[in-house]
């Protein structure tokens, strides 16, 4: 993963469940830093809403409120970048 400041943050994981067009679940493990080796779970549900899609993302097993806040900021930023990329509003 590349942060807005250009720094790289490496992680790995394993897909746990894939339901095409509906659901994706995967483990999330950072390679370095305070959370290195701590396994978390990311689940994403996709729901059709007219011609659009609603995305519900749940990141569980975060070990602290600080980790919740940091990951929340990261996901918001990532999803904003995704929206800009698919709508061409960048």
PDB file of N, CA and C in Angstrom:
ATOM      1  N   UNK A   1       0.848  -1.151   0.000  1.00  0.00           N
ATOM      2  CA  UNK A   1       0.000   0.000   0.000  1.00  0.00           C
ATOM      3  C   UNK A   1       0.907   1.231   0.000  1.00  0.00           C
ATOM      4  N   UNK A   2       0.526   2.226  -0.782  1.00  0.00           N
ATOM      5  CA  UNK A   2       1.292   3.465  -0.829  1.00  0.00           C
ATOM      6  C   UNK A   2       0.451   4.581  -0.212  1.00  0.00           C
ATOM      7  N   UNK A   3       0.997   5.225   0.816  1.00  0.00           N
ATOM      8  CA  UNK A   3       0.314   6.321   1.509  1.00  0.00           C
ATOM      9  C   UNK A   3       0.408   7.599   0.673  1.00  0.00           C
ATOM     10  N   UNK A   4      -0.451   8.580   0.976  1.00  0.00           N
ATOM     11  CA  UNK A   4      -0.396   9.839   0.228  1.00  0.00           C
ATOM     12  C   UNK A   4       0.980  10.512   0.248  1.00  0.00           C
ATOM     13  N   UNK A   5       1.770  10.257   1.294  1.00  0.00           N
ATOM     14  CA  UNK A   5       3.110  10.850   1.365  1.00  0.00           C
ATOM     15  C   UNK A   5       4.151  10.051   0.587  1.00  0.00           C
ATOM     16  N   UNK A   6       3.712   8.964  -0.080  1.00  0.00           N
ATOM     17  CA  UNK A   6       4.612   8.154  -0.892  1.00  0.00           C
ATOM     18  C   UNK A   6       5.245   6.981  -0.166  1.00  0.00           C
ATOM     19  N   UNK A   7       5.085   6.916   1.160  1.00  0.00           N
ATOM     20  CA  UNK A   7       5.668   5.797   1.906  1.00  0.00           C
ATOM     21  C   UNK A   7       4.907   4.508   1.598  1.00  0.00           C
ATOM     22  N   UNK A   8       5.625   3.391   1.627  1.00  0.00           N
ATOM     23  CA  UNK A   8       5.018   2.095   1.335  1.00  0.00           C
ATOM     24  C   UNK A   8       4.816   1.304   2.614  1.00  0.00           C
ATOM     25  N   UNK A   9       3.674   0.626   2.691  1.00  0.00           N
ATOM     26  CA  UNK A   9       3.319  -0.178   3.856  1.00  0.00           C
ATOM     27  C   UNK A   9       2.874  -1.542   3.338  1.00  0.00           C
ATOM     28  N   UNK A  10       3.619  -2.574   3.717  1.00  0.00           N
ATOM     29  CA  UNK A  10       3.379  -3.910   3.175  1.00  0.00           C
ATOM     30  C   UNK A  10       2.513  -4.738   4.121  1.00  0.00           C
ATOM     31  N   UNK A  11       1.629  -5.521   3.527  1.00  0.00           N
ATOM     32  CA  UNK A  11       0.785  -6.426   4.285  1.00  0.00           C
ATOM     33  C   UNK A  11       0.529  -7.674   3.457  1.00  0.00           C
ATOM     34  N   UNK A  12      -0.003  -8.679   4.108  1.00  0.00           N
ATOM     35  CA  UNK A  12      -0.385  -9.892   3.397  1.00  0.00           C
ATOM     36  C   UNK A  12      -1.691 -10.404   3.991  1.00  0.00           C
ATOM     37  N   UNK A  13      -2.281 -11.363   3.332  1.00  0.00           N
ATOM     38  CA  UNK A  13      -3.520 -11.937   3.826  1.00  0.00           C
ATOM     39  C   UNK A  13      -3.952 -13.091   2.950  1.00  0.00           C
ATOM     40  N   UNK A  14      -5.085 -13.630   3.307  1.00  0.00           N
ATOM     41  CA  UNK A  14      -5.632 -14.788   2.603  1.00  0.00           C
ATOM     42  C   UNK A  14      -7.126 -14.559   2.400  1.00  0.00           C
ATOM     43  N   UNK A  15      -7.606 -14.819   1.193  1.00  0.00           N
ATOM     44  CA  UNK A  15      -9.040 -14.717   0.959  1.00  0.00           C
ATOM     45  C   UNK A  15      -9.741 -15.834   1.715  1.00  0.00           C
ATOM     46  N   UNK A  16     -10.763 -15.481   2.474  1.00  0.00           N
ATOM     47  CA  UNK A  16     -11.514 -16.451   3.262  1.00  0.00           C
ATOM     48  C   UNK A  16     -12.825 -16.832   2.599  1.00  0.00           C
ATOM     49  N   UNK A  17     -13.465 -15.842   1.966  1.00  0.00           N
ATOM     50  CA  UNK A  17     -14.730 -16.114   1.290  1.00  0.00           C
ATOM     51  C   UNK A  17     -14.876 -15.151   0.116  1.00  0.00           C
ATOM     52  N   UNK A  18     -15.282 -15.701  -1.014  1.00  0.00           N
ATOM     53  CA  UNK A  18     -15.534 -14.891  -2.200  1.00  0.00           C
ATOM     54  C   UNK A  18     -16.880 -15.314  -2.766  1.00  0.00           C
ATOM     55  N   UNK A  19     -17.794 -14.342  -2.841  1.00  0.00           N
ATOM     56  CA  UNK A  19     -19.091 -14.564  -3.473  1.00  0.00           C
ATOM     57  C   UNK A  19     -19.201 -13.511  -4.567  1.00  0.00           C
ATOM     58  N   UNK A  20     -18.936 -13.901  -5.824  1.00  0.00           N
ATOM     59  CA  UNK A  20     -18.900 -12.917  -6.913  1.00  0.00           C
ATOM     60  C   UNK A  20     -20.095 -11.966  -6.891  1.00  0.00           C
ATOM     61  N   UNK A  21     -19.780 -10.689  -7.030  1.00  0.00           N
ATOM     62  CA  UNK A  21     -20.760  -9.599  -7.097  1.00  0.00           C
ATOM     63  C   UNK A  21     -21.381  -9.237  -5.750  1.00  0.00           C
ATOM     64  N   UNK A  22     -21.107 -10.010  -4.673  1.00  0.00           N
ATOM     65  CA  UNK A  22     -21.802  -9.783  -3.407  1.00  0.00           C
ATOM     66  C   UNK A  22     -20.901  -9.566  -2.194  1.00  0.00           C
ATOM     67  N   UNK A  23     -19.863 -10.411  -2.051  1.00  0.00           N
ATOM     68  CA  UNK A  23     -19.152 -10.432  -0.770  1.00  0.00           C
ATOM     69  C   UNK A  23     -17.704 -10.888  -0.945  1.00  0.00           C
ATOM     70  N   UNK A  24     -16.841 -10.279  -0.152  1.00  0.00           N
ATOM     71  CA  UNK A  24     -15.425 -10.639  -0.131  1.00  0.00           C
ATOM     72  C   UNK A  24     -14.952 -10.551   1.312  1.00  0.00           C
ATOM     73  N   UNK A  25     -14.215 -11.555   1.763  1.00  0.00           N
ATOM     74  CA  UNK A  25     -13.663 -11.568   3.112  1.00  0.00           C
ATOM     75  C   UNK A  25     -12.208 -12.023   3.024  1.00  0.00           C
ATOM     76  N   UNK A  26     -11.317 -11.311   3.735  1.00  0.00           N
ATOM     77  CA  UNK A  26      -9.894 -11.638   3.673  1.00  0.00           C
ATOM     78  C   UNK A  26      -9.203 -11.263   4.973  1.00  0.00           C
ATOM     79  N   UNK A  27      -8.148 -12.003   5.293  1.00  0.00           N
ATOM     80  CA  UNK A  27      -7.340 -11.626   6.440  1.00  0.00           C
ATOM     81  C   UNK A  27      -6.456 -10.451   6.041  1.00  0.00           C
ATOM     82  N   UNK A  28      -5.976  -9.728   7.048  1.00  0.00           N
ATOM     83  CA  UNK A  28      -5.205  -8.495   6.847  1.00  0.00           C
ATOM     84  C   UNK A  28      -4.114  -8.495   7.905  1.00  0.00           C
ATOM     85  N   UNK A  29      -2.861  -8.628   7.490  1.00  0.00           N
ATOM     86  CA  UNK A  29      -1.748  -8.711   8.431  1.00  0.00           C
ATOM     87  C   UNK A  29      -0.628  -7.781   7.968  1.00  0.00           C
ATOM     88  N   UNK A  30      -0.324  -6.782   8.783  1.00  0.00           N
ATOM     89  CA  UNK A  30       0.767  -5.864   8.455  1.00  0.00           C
ATOM     90  C   UNK A  30       2.105  -6.565   8.609  1.00  0.00           C
ATOM     91  N   UNK A  31       3.064  -6.212   7.743  1.00  0.00           N
ATOM     92  CA  UNK A  31       4.405  -6.810   7.766  1.00  0.00           C
ATOM     93  C   UNK A  31       5.313  -6.138   8.802  1.00  0.00           C
ATOM     94  N   UNK A  32       5.058  -4.858   9.117  1.00  0.00           N
ATOM     95  CA  UNK A  32       5.940  -4.116  10.025  1.00  0.00           C
ATOM     96  C   UNK A  32       5.105  -3.188  10.897  1.00  0.00           C
ATOM     97  N   UNK A  33       5.743  -2.574  11.860  1.00  0.00           N
ATOM     98  CA  UNK A  33       5.064  -1.615  12.729  1.00  0.00           C
ATOM     99  C   UNK A  33       4.445  -2.270  13.945  1.00  0.00           C
ATOM    100  N   UNK A  34       3.670  -1.489  14.679  1.00  0.00           N
ATOM    101  CA  UNK A  34       3.070  -1.951  15.934  1.00  0.00           C
ATOM    102  C   UNK A  34       2.131  -3.138  15.762  1.00  0.00           C
ATOM    103  N   UNK A  35       1.531  -3.258  14.595  1.00  0.00           N
ATOM    104  CA  UNK A  35       0.561  -4.331  14.369  1.00  0.00           C
ATOM    105  C   UNK A  35       1.126  -5.499  13.564  1.00  0.00           C
ATOM    106  N   UNK A  36       2.426  -5.519  13.361  1.00  0.00           N
ATOM    107  CA  UNK A  36       3.048  -6.589  12.574  1.00  0.00           C
ATOM    108  C   UNK A  36       2.661  -7.961  13.141  1.00  0.00           C
ATOM    109  N   UNK A  37       2.163  -8.813  12.265  1.00  0.00           N
ATOM    110  CA  UNK A  37       1.813 -10.176  12.649  1.00  0.00           C
ATOM    111  C   UNK A  37       0.435 -10.339  13.258  1.00  0.00           C
ATOM    112  N   UNK A  38      -0.251  -9.253  13.577  1.00  0.00           N
ATOM    113  CA  UNK A  38      -1.590  -9.335  14.177  1.00  0.00           C
ATOM    114  C   UNK A  38      -2.621  -9.534  13.070  1.00  0.00           C
ATOM    115  N   UNK A  39      -3.324 -10.662  13.094  1.00  0.00           N
ATOM    116  CA  UNK A  39      -4.290 -10.965  12.034  1.00  0.00           C
ATOM    117  C   UNK A  39      -5.638 -10.304  12.294  1.00  0.00           C
ATOM    118  N   UNK A  40      -6.077  -9.552  11.292  1.00  0.00           N
ATOM    119  CA  UNK A  40      -7.382  -8.903  11.328  1.00  0.00           C
ATOM    120  C   UNK A  40      -8.203  -9.463  10.174  1.00  0.00           C
ATOM    121  N   UNK A  41      -9.470  -9.081  10.109  1.00  0.00           N
ATOM    122  CA  UNK A  41     -10.344  -9.562   9.049  1.00  0.00           C
ATOM    123  C   UNK A  41     -11.032  -8.370   8.391  1.00  0.00           C
ATOM    124  N   UNK A  42     -10.993  -8.333   7.064  1.00  0.00           N
ATOM    125  CA  UNK A  42     -11.691  -7.311   6.287  1.00  0.00           C
ATOM    126  C   UNK A  42     -12.791  -8.012   5.490  1.00  0.00           C
ATOM    127  N   UNK A  43     -14.012  -7.518   5.660  1.00  0.00           N
ATOM    128  CA  UNK A  43     -15.163  -8.063   4.931  1.00  0.00           C
ATOM    129  C   UNK A  43     -15.813  -6.919   4.167  1.00  0.00           C
ATOM    130  N   UNK A  44     -16.145  -7.184   2.917  1.00  0.00           N
ATOM    131  CA  UNK A  44     -16.750  -6.163   2.064  1.00  0.00           C
ATOM    132  C   UNK A  44     -18.006  -6.748   1.424  1.00  0.00           C
ATOM    133  N   UNK A  45     -19.115  -6.036   1.604  1.00  0.00           N
ATOM    134  CA  UNK A  45     -20.391  -6.423   1.004  1.00  0.00           C
ATOM    135  C   UNK A  45     -20.736  -5.415  -0.077  1.00  0.00           C
ATOM    136  N   UNK A  46     -21.134  -5.921  -1.246  1.00  0.00           N
ATOM    137  CA  UNK A  46     -21.526  -5.080  -2.370  1.00  0.00           C
ATOM    138  C   UNK A  46     -23.031  -5.258  -2.592  1.00  0.00           C
ATOM    139  N   UNK A  47     -23.752  -4.147  -2.633  1.00  0.00           N
ATOM    140  CA  UNK A  47     -25.192  -4.190  -2.844  1.00  0.00           C
ATOM    141  C   UNK A  47     -25.558  -3.266  -3.997  1.00  0.00           C
ATOM    142  N   UNK A  48     -26.281  -3.792  -4.974  1.00  0.00           N
ATOM    143  CA  UNK A  48     -26.728  -2.970  -6.101  1.00  0.00           C
ATOM    144  C   UNK A  48     -27.777  -1.977  -5.609  1.00  0.00           C
ATOM    145  N   UNK A  49     -27.601  -0.719  -6.017  1.00  0.00           N
ATOM    146  CA  UNK A  49     -28.552   0.345  -5.698  1.00  0.00           C
ATOM    147  C   UNK A  49     -28.789   1.106  -6.997  1.00  0.00           C
ATOM    148  N   UNK A  50     -29.817   0.696  -7.717  1.00  0.00           N
ATOM    149  CA  UNK A  50     -30.057   1.276  -9.037  1.00  0.00           C
ATOM    150  C   UNK A  50     -28.892   0.938  -9.957  1.00  0.00           C
ATOM    151  N   UNK A  51     -28.314   1.952 -10.575  1.00  0.00           N
ATOM    152  CA  UNK A  51     -27.166   1.770 -11.466  1.00  0.00           C
ATOM    153  C   UNK A  51     -25.839   1.866 -10.709  1.00  0.00           C
ATOM    154  N   UNK A  52     -25.898   2.021  -9.402  1.00  0.00           N
ATOM    155  CA  UNK A  52     -24.696   2.174  -8.572  1.00  0.00           C
ATOM    156  C   UNK A  52     -24.528   0.959  -7.672  1.00  0.00           C
ATOM    157  N   UNK A  53     -23.512   1.005  -6.853  1.00  0.00           N
ATOM    158  CA  UNK A  53     -23.279  -0.057  -5.878  1.00  0.00           C
ATOM    159  C   UNK A  53     -22.959   0.565  -4.526  1.00  0.00           C
ATOM    160  N   UNK A  54     -23.538  -0.013  -3.508  1.00  0.00           N
ATOM    161  CA  UNK A  54     -23.214   0.383  -2.142  1.00  0.00           C
ATOM    162  C   UNK A  54     -22.147  -0.584  -1.644  1.00  0.00           C
ATOM    163  N   UNK A  55     -21.112  -0.041  -1.014  1.00  0.00           N
ATOM    164  CA  UNK A  55     -20.030  -0.861  -0.475  1.00  0.00           C
ATOM    165  C   UNK A  55     -20.042  -0.720   1.043  1.00  0.00           C
ATOM    166  N   UNK A  56     -20.156  -1.839   1.736  1.00  0.00           N
ATOM    167  CA  UNK A  56     -20.070  -1.851   3.200  1.00  0.00           C
ATOM    168  C   UNK A  56     -18.800  -2.595   3.571  1.00  0.00           C
ATOM    169  N   UNK A  57     -17.879  -1.901   4.215  1.00  0.00           N
ATOM    170  CA  UNK A  57     -16.595  -2.476   4.586  1.00  0.00           C
ATOM    171  C   UNK A  57     -16.519  -2.592   6.107  1.00  0.00           C
ATOM    172  N   UNK A  58     -16.158  -3.766   6.583  1.00  0.00           N
ATOM    173  CA  UNK A  58     -15.971  -4.001   8.013  1.00  0.00           C
ATOM    174  C   UNK A  58     -14.554  -4.520   8.229  1.00  0.00           C
ATOM    175  N   UNK A  59     -13.811  -3.849   9.079  1.00  0.00           N
ATOM    176  CA  UNK A  59     -12.445  -4.257   9.415  1.00  0.00           C
ATOM    177  C   UNK A  59     -12.469  -4.626  10.895  1.00  0.00           C
ATOM    178  N   UNK A  60     -12.366  -5.919  11.196  1.00  0.00           N
ATOM    179  CA  UNK A  60     -12.526  -6.391  12.572  1.00  0.00           C
ATOM    180  C   UNK A  60     -11.223  -6.930  13.156  1.00  0.00           C
ATOM    181  N   UNK A  61     -11.277  -7.134  14.459  1.00  0.00           N
ATOM    182  CA  UNK A  61     -10.151  -7.619  15.262  1.00  0.00           C
ATOM    183  C   UNK A  61      -9.022  -6.593  15.347  1.00  0.00           C
ATOM    184  N   UNK A  62      -9.374  -5.328  15.304  1.00  0.00           N
ATOM    185  CA  UNK A  62      -8.386  -4.272  15.536  1.00  0.00           C
ATOM    186  C   UNK A  62      -8.100  -4.227  17.032  1.00  0.00           C
ATOM    187  N   UNK A  63      -6.820  -4.162  17.430  1.00  0.00           N
ATOM    188  CA  UNK A  63      -6.465  -4.352  18.837  1.00  0.00           C
ATOM    189  C   UNK A  63      -6.628  -3.138  19.752  1.00  0.00           C
ATOM    190  N   UNK A  64      -6.890  -1.948  19.206  1.00  0.00           N
ATOM    191  CA  UNK A  64      -6.971  -0.765  20.066  1.00  0.00           C
ATOM    192  C   UNK A  64      -7.785   0.328  19.389  1.00  0.00           C
ATOM    193  N   UNK A  65      -8.204   1.307  20.163  1.00  0.00           N
ATOM    194  CA  UNK A  65      -8.932   2.446  19.602  1.00  0.00           C
ATOM    195  C   UNK A  65      -8.044   3.221  18.637  1.00  0.00           C
ATOM    196  N   UNK A  66      -6.751   3.304  18.937  1.00  0.00           N
ATOM    197  CA  UNK A  66      -5.818   3.974  18.031  1.00  0.00           C
ATOM    198  C   UNK A  66      -5.750   3.279  16.683  1.00  0.00           C
ATOM    199  N   UNK A  67      -5.751   1.950  16.703  1.00  0.00           N
ATOM    200  CA  UNK A  67      -5.734   1.183  15.451  1.00  0.00           C
ATOM    201  C   UNK A  67      -7.043   1.372  14.692  1.00  0.00           C
ATOM    202  N   UNK A  68      -8.165   1.437  15.419  1.00  0.00           N
ATOM    203  CA  UNK A  68      -9.460   1.672  14.779  1.00  0.00           C
ATOM    204  C   UNK A  68      -9.443   3.019  14.058  1.00  0.00           C
ATOM    205  N   UNK A  69      -8.970   4.058  14.752  1.00  0.00           N
ATOM    206  CA  UNK A  69      -8.934   5.406  14.165  1.00  0.00           C
ATOM    207  C   UNK A  69      -8.017   5.458  12.943  1.00  0.00           C
ATOM    208  N   UNK A  70      -6.831   4.861  13.047  1.00  0.00           N
ATOM    209  CA  UNK A  70      -5.869   4.891  11.938  1.00  0.00           C
ATOM    210  C   UNK A  70      -6.407   4.141  10.718  1.00  0.00           C
ATOM    211  N   UNK A  71      -7.005   2.976  10.941  1.00  0.00           N
ATOM    212  CA  UNK A  71      -7.534   2.202   9.824  1.00  0.00           C
ATOM    213  C   UNK A  71      -8.774   2.864   9.230  1.00  0.00           C
ATOM    214  N   UNK A  72      -9.581   3.483  10.069  1.00  0.00           N
ATOM    215  CA  UNK A  72     -10.747   4.213   9.565  1.00  0.00           C
ATOM    216  C   UNK A  72     -10.302   5.335   8.631  1.00  0.00           C
ATOM    217  N   UNK A  73      -9.307   6.102   9.056  1.00  0.00           N
ATOM    218  CA  UNK A  73      -8.772   7.171   8.203  1.00  0.00           C
ATOM    219  C   UNK A  73      -8.235   6.611   6.892  1.00  0.00           C
ATOM    220  N   UNK A  74      -7.517   5.493   6.980  1.00  0.00           N
ATOM    221  CA  UNK A  74      -6.942   4.880   5.784  1.00  0.00           C
ATOM    222  C   UNK A  74      -7.999   4.388   4.817  1.00  0.00           C
ATOM    223  N   UNK A  75      -9.047   3.729   5.345  1.00  0.00           N
ATOM    224  CA  UNK A  75     -10.110   3.230   4.473  1.00  0.00           C
ATOM    225  C   UNK A  75     -10.883   4.374   3.838  1.00  0.00           C
ATOM    226  N   UNK A  76     -11.165   5.430   4.601  1.00  0.00           N
ATOM    227  CA  UNK A  76     -11.878   6.584   4.036  1.00  0.00           C
ATOM    228  C   UNK A  76     -11.061   7.174   2.892  1.00  0.00           C
ATOM    229  N   UNK A  77      -9.773   7.362   3.109  1.00  0.00           N
ATOM    230  CA  UNK A  77      -8.902   7.907   2.068  1.00  0.00           C
ATOM    231  C   UNK A  77      -8.866   6.988   0.846  1.00  0.00           C
ATOM    232  N   UNK A  78      -8.749   5.700   1.065  1.00  0.00           N
ATOM    233  CA  UNK A  78      -8.698   4.733  -0.045  1.00  0.00           C
ATOM    234  C   UNK A  78      -9.993   4.739  -0.853  1.00  0.00           C
ATOM    235  N   UNK A  79     -11.119   4.771  -0.165  1.00  0.00           N
ATOM    236  CA  UNK A  79     -12.396   4.765  -0.874  1.00  0.00           C
ATOM    237  C   UNK A  79     -12.646   6.081  -1.607  1.00  0.00           C
ATOM    238  N   UNK A  80     -12.168   7.183  -1.055  1.00  0.00           N
ATOM    239  CA  UNK A  80     -12.265   8.462  -1.773  1.00  0.00           C
ATOM    240  C   UNK A  80     -11.426   8.424  -3.052  1.00  0.00           C
ATOM    241  N   UNK A  81     -10.223   7.859  -2.977  1.00  0.00           N
ATOM    242  CA  UNK A  81      -9.381   7.721  -4.165  1.00  0.00           C
ATOM    243  C   UNK A  81     -10.042   6.800  -5.198  1.00  0.00           C
ATOM    244  N   UNK A  82     -10.652   5.724  -4.722  1.00  0.00           N
ATOM    245  CA  UNK A  82     -11.365   4.799  -5.615  1.00  0.00           C
ATOM    246  C   UNK A  82     -12.506   5.520  -6.326  1.00  0.00           C
ATOM    247  N   UNK A  83     -13.285   6.294  -5.565  1.00  0.00           N
ATOM    248  CA  UNK A  83     -14.392   7.038  -6.170  1.00  0.00           C
ATOM    249  C   UNK A  83     -13.880   8.014  -7.225  1.00  0.00           C
ATOM    250  N   UNK A  84     -12.802   8.717  -6.918  1.00  0.00           N
ATOM    251  CA  UNK A  84     -12.218   9.648  -7.895  1.00  0.00           C
ATOM    252  C   UNK A  84     -11.763   8.916  -9.163  1.00  0.00           C
ATOM    253  N   UNK A  85     -11.185   7.738  -8.981  1.00  0.00           N
ATOM    254  CA  UNK A  85     -10.690   6.980 -10.130  1.00  0.00           C
ATOM    255  C   UNK A  85     -11.827   6.495 -11.024  1.00  0.00           C
ATOM    256  N   UNK A  86     -12.917   6.028 -10.429  1.00  0.00           N
ATOM    257  CA  UNK A  86     -13.991   5.479 -11.271  1.00  0.00           C
ATOM    258  C   UNK A  86     -14.912   6.555 -11.837  1.00  0.00           C
ATOM    259  N   UNK A  87     -14.932   7.724 -11.198  1.00  0.00           N
ATOM    260  CA  UNK A  87     -15.808   8.790 -11.719  1.00  0.00           C
ATOM    261  C   UNK A  87     -15.040   9.801 -12.564  1.00  0.00           C
ATOM    262  N   UNK A  88     -13.709   9.711 -12.530  1.00  0.00           N
ATOM    263  CA  UNK A  88     -12.889  10.660 -13.285  1.00  0.00           C
ATOM    264  C   UNK A  88     -12.854  12.038 -12.673  1.00  0.00           C
ATOM    265  N   UNK A  89     -13.156  12.129 -11.381  1.00  0.00           N
ATOM    266  CA  UNK A  89     -13.197  13.445 -10.730  1.00  0.00           C
ATOM    267  C   UNK A  89     -11.889  13.824 -10.070  1.00  0.00           C
ATOM    268  N   UNK A  90     -10.823  13.090 -10.359  1.00  0.00           N
ATOM    269  CA  UNK A  90      -9.509  13.376  -9.744  1.00  0.00           C
ATOM    270  C   UNK A  90      -8.911  14.653 -10.261  1.00  0.00           C
TER     271      UNK A  90
END
